[in-house]
């Protein structure tokens, strides 16, 4: 279960939000970088899938 949570973006976003709200410190830049990379990757994959399979007939 720990291995799965280490690649789950919800884990990183929850930790990021929790640290900002509870301690008021600056966000962890590694968490922000991971979330940005994950978002860019899923956006790219979604765009490629849409171009390939979503055709107007």
Protein backbone atom coordinates (compact mmCIF):
# COMPACT_ATOMS: atom_id res chain seq x y z
CA UNK A 1 0.00 0.00 0.00
CA UNK A 2 2.90 2.37 0.73
CA UNK A 3 4.31 1.78 -2.77
CA UNK A 4 1.00 2.76 -4.35
CA UNK A 5 0.66 5.87 -2.21
CA UNK A 6 4.12 7.06 -3.24
CA UNK A 7 2.99 7.50 -6.86
CA UNK A 8 -0.55 8.68 -6.12
CA UNK A 9 -0.84 12.43 -6.75
CA UNK A 10 -3.64 12.71 -4.16
CA UNK A 11 -1.12 11.80 -1.47
CA UNK A 12 1.18 14.63 -2.51
CA UNK A 13 -1.58 17.21 -2.85
CA UNK A 14 -3.06 16.27 0.54
CA UNK A 15 0.34 16.53 2.22
CA UNK A 16 1.00 19.82 0.48
CA UNK A 17 -2.33 21.32 1.52
CA UNK A 18 -2.05 19.97 5.05
CA UNK A 19 1.39 21.49 5.57
CA UNK A 20 0.27 24.88 4.28
CA UNK A 21 -2.88 24.99 6.40
CA UNK A 22 -1.53 23.56 9.65
CA UNK A 23 1.93 25.10 9.80
CA UNK A 24 1.60 28.04 7.44
CA UNK A 25 4.99 27.29 5.91
CA UNK A 26 5.98 27.54 2.30
CA UNK A 27 4.93 24.56 0.16
CA UNK A 28 7.36 21.72 -0.45
CA UNK A 29 8.80 22.39 -3.90
CA UNK A 30 9.34 18.68 -4.60
CA UNK A 31 5.63 18.03 -4.09
CA UNK A 32 4.76 20.95 -6.36
CA UNK A 33 7.18 19.69 -9.02
CA UNK A 34 5.73 16.16 -8.84
CA UNK A 35 2.19 17.48 -9.19
CA UNK A 36 3.17 19.72 -12.12
CA UNK A 37 4.92 16.85 -13.91
CA UNK A 38 1.97 14.53 -13.28
CA UNK A 39 -0.46 17.16 -14.58
CA UNK A 40 1.59 17.79 -17.72
CA UNK A 41 1.92 14.07 -18.38
CA UNK A 42 -1.78 13.32 -17.98
CA UNK A 43 -2.71 16.36 -20.09
CA UNK A 44 -0.39 15.17 -22.86
CA UNK A 45 -1.73 11.62 -22.75
CA UNK A 46 -5.31 12.89 -22.76
CA UNK A 47 -4.64 15.15 -25.73
CA UNK A 48 -3.03 12.32 -27.68
CA UNK A 49 -5.92 9.98 -26.90
CA UNK A 50 -8.47 12.61 -27.91
CA UNK A 51 -6.72 13.19 -31.25
CA UNK A 52 -6.57 9.50 -31.95
CA UNK A 53 -10.01 8.31 -30.89
CA UNK A 54 -12.31 11.35 -30.91
CA UNK A 55 -13.15 11.99 -34.55
CA UNK A 56 -16.04 14.00 -35.92
CA UNK A 57 -18.03 11.90 -38.32
